[in-house]
Every structure is written in C-alpha cells, then in structure tokens.
C-alpha cells in the first residue's frame, strides 16, 4: 500500500469521525433544548 493512499484513507476516516461527532453533538443539543 502506498503512503499516499494510506494518508488519503486516514484523512477520509478523520473527516468521517468529525462529521459523526458533529451530528452527535447537534442531536444532544437539540434533545437538551427540547427537554
């Protein structure tokens, strides 16, 4: 596996984790606002 491909996969995973974390925080904030 080339280092460039590995870096691209790591960047993609990092971006995915960031979006999932953002969604979780937003959902938690909405739940707090409703309650």
N, C-alpha and C. Protein backbone atom coordinates (compact mmCIF):
# COMPACT_ATOMS: atom_id res chain seq x y z
N UNK A 1 0.85 -1.21 0.00
CA UNK A 1 0.00 0.00 0.00
C UNK A 1 0.88 1.25 0.00
N UNK A 2 0.57 2.18 -0.88
CA UNK A 2 1.38 3.39 -0.98
C UNK A 2 1.07 4.34 0.18
N UNK A 3 2.07 5.12 0.62
CA UNK A 3 1.84 6.09 1.72
C UNK A 3 0.76 7.10 1.36
N UNK A 4 0.69 7.49 0.08
CA UNK A 4 -0.31 8.48 -0.34
C UNK A 4 -1.72 7.95 -0.15
N UNK A 5 -1.91 6.69 -0.50
CA UNK A 5 -3.24 6.09 -0.36
C UNK A 5 -3.60 5.97 1.12
N UNK A 6 -2.60 5.60 1.94
CA UNK A 6 -2.84 5.47 3.37
C UNK A 6 -3.22 6.81 3.97
N UNK A 7 -2.53 7.88 3.51
CA UNK A 7 -2.83 9.22 4.02
C UNK A 7 -4.24 9.64 3.61
N UNK A 8 -4.63 9.27 2.38
CA UNK A 8 -5.97 9.64 1.91
C UNK A 8 -7.04 8.91 2.73
N UNK A 9 -6.77 7.63 3.05
CA UNK A 9 -7.72 6.86 3.86
C UNK A 9 -7.80 7.46 5.26
N UNK A 10 -6.66 7.82 5.83
CA UNK A 10 -6.65 8.42 7.17
C UNK A 10 -7.41 9.74 7.18
N UNK A 11 -7.23 10.54 6.11
CA UNK A 11 -7.93 11.83 6.01
C UNK A 11 -9.43 11.60 5.90
N UNK A 12 -9.82 10.59 5.12
CA UNK A 12 -11.24 10.28 4.94
C UNK A 12 -11.86 9.83 6.26
N UNK A 13 -11.15 8.97 6.99
CA UNK A 13 -11.65 8.49 8.29
C UNK A 13 -11.76 9.64 9.28
N UNK A 14 -10.78 10.53 9.27
CA UNK A 14 -10.82 11.69 10.16
C UNK A 14 -12.00 12.60 9.86
N UNK A 15 -12.25 12.80 8.57
CA UNK A 15 -13.38 13.64 8.16
C UNK A 15 -14.70 12.99 8.57
N UNK A 16 -14.78 11.67 8.41
CA UNK A 16 -15.99 10.93 8.77
C UNK A 16 -16.24 11.01 10.28
N UNK A 17 -15.16 10.84 11.06
CA UNK A 17 -15.29 10.92 12.52
C UNK A 17 -15.74 12.31 12.94
N UNK A 18 -15.21 13.34 12.28
CA UNK A 18 -15.59 14.72 12.62
C UNK A 18 -17.07 14.96 12.33
N UNK A 19 -17.55 14.46 11.20
CA UNK A 19 -18.96 14.67 10.85
C UNK A 19 -19.87 13.90 11.80
N UNK A 20 -19.49 12.68 12.17
CA UNK A 20 -20.29 11.89 13.10
C UNK A 20 -20.32 12.56 14.47
N UNK A 21 -19.17 13.07 14.91
CA UNK A 21 -19.12 13.75 16.21
C UNK A 21 -19.99 15.00 16.19
N UNK A 22 -19.94 15.75 15.09
CA UNK A 22 -20.77 16.96 14.97
C UNK A 22 -22.25 16.60 15.03
N UNK A 23 -22.64 15.55 14.32
CA UNK A 23 -24.04 15.13 14.34
C UNK A 23 -24.47 14.72 15.74
N UNK A 24 -23.60 14.01 16.46
CA UNK A 24 -23.92 13.57 17.82
C UNK A 24 -24.10 14.77 18.74
N UNK A 25 -23.21 15.75 18.63
CA UNK A 25 -23.29 16.95 19.47
C UNK A 25 -24.56 17.74 19.16
N UNK A 26 -24.89 17.87 17.88
CA UNK A 26 -26.09 18.61 17.48
C UNK A 26 -27.34 17.90 17.99
N UNK A 27 -27.38 16.58 17.86
CA UNK A 27 -28.54 15.81 18.33
C UNK A 27 -28.68 15.95 19.85
N UNK A 28 -27.55 15.92 20.56
CA UNK A 28 -27.57 16.07 22.01
C UNK A 28 -28.07 17.46 22.40
N UNK A 29 -27.62 18.49 21.70
CA UNK A 29 -28.05 19.87 21.99
C UNK A 29 -29.54 20.03 21.72
N UNK A 30 -30.02 19.43 20.64
CA UNK A 30 -31.46 19.53 20.32
C UNK A 30 -32.27 18.82 21.40
N UNK A 31 -31.79 17.65 21.86
CA UNK A 31 -32.50 16.93 22.90
C UNK A 31 -32.55 17.76 24.19
N UNK A 32 -31.44 18.41 24.51
CA UNK A 32 -31.41 19.26 25.71
C UNK A 32 -32.37 20.44 25.56
N UNK A 33 -32.42 21.01 24.36
CA UNK A 33 -33.29 22.16 24.12
C UNK A 33 -34.76 21.75 24.23
N UNK A 34 -35.08 20.54 23.75
CA UNK A 34 -36.47 20.07 23.82
C UNK A 34 -36.84 19.79 25.28
N UNK A 35 -35.94 19.11 25.98
CA UNK A 35 -36.22 18.82 27.39
C UNK A 35 -35.96 20.07 28.21
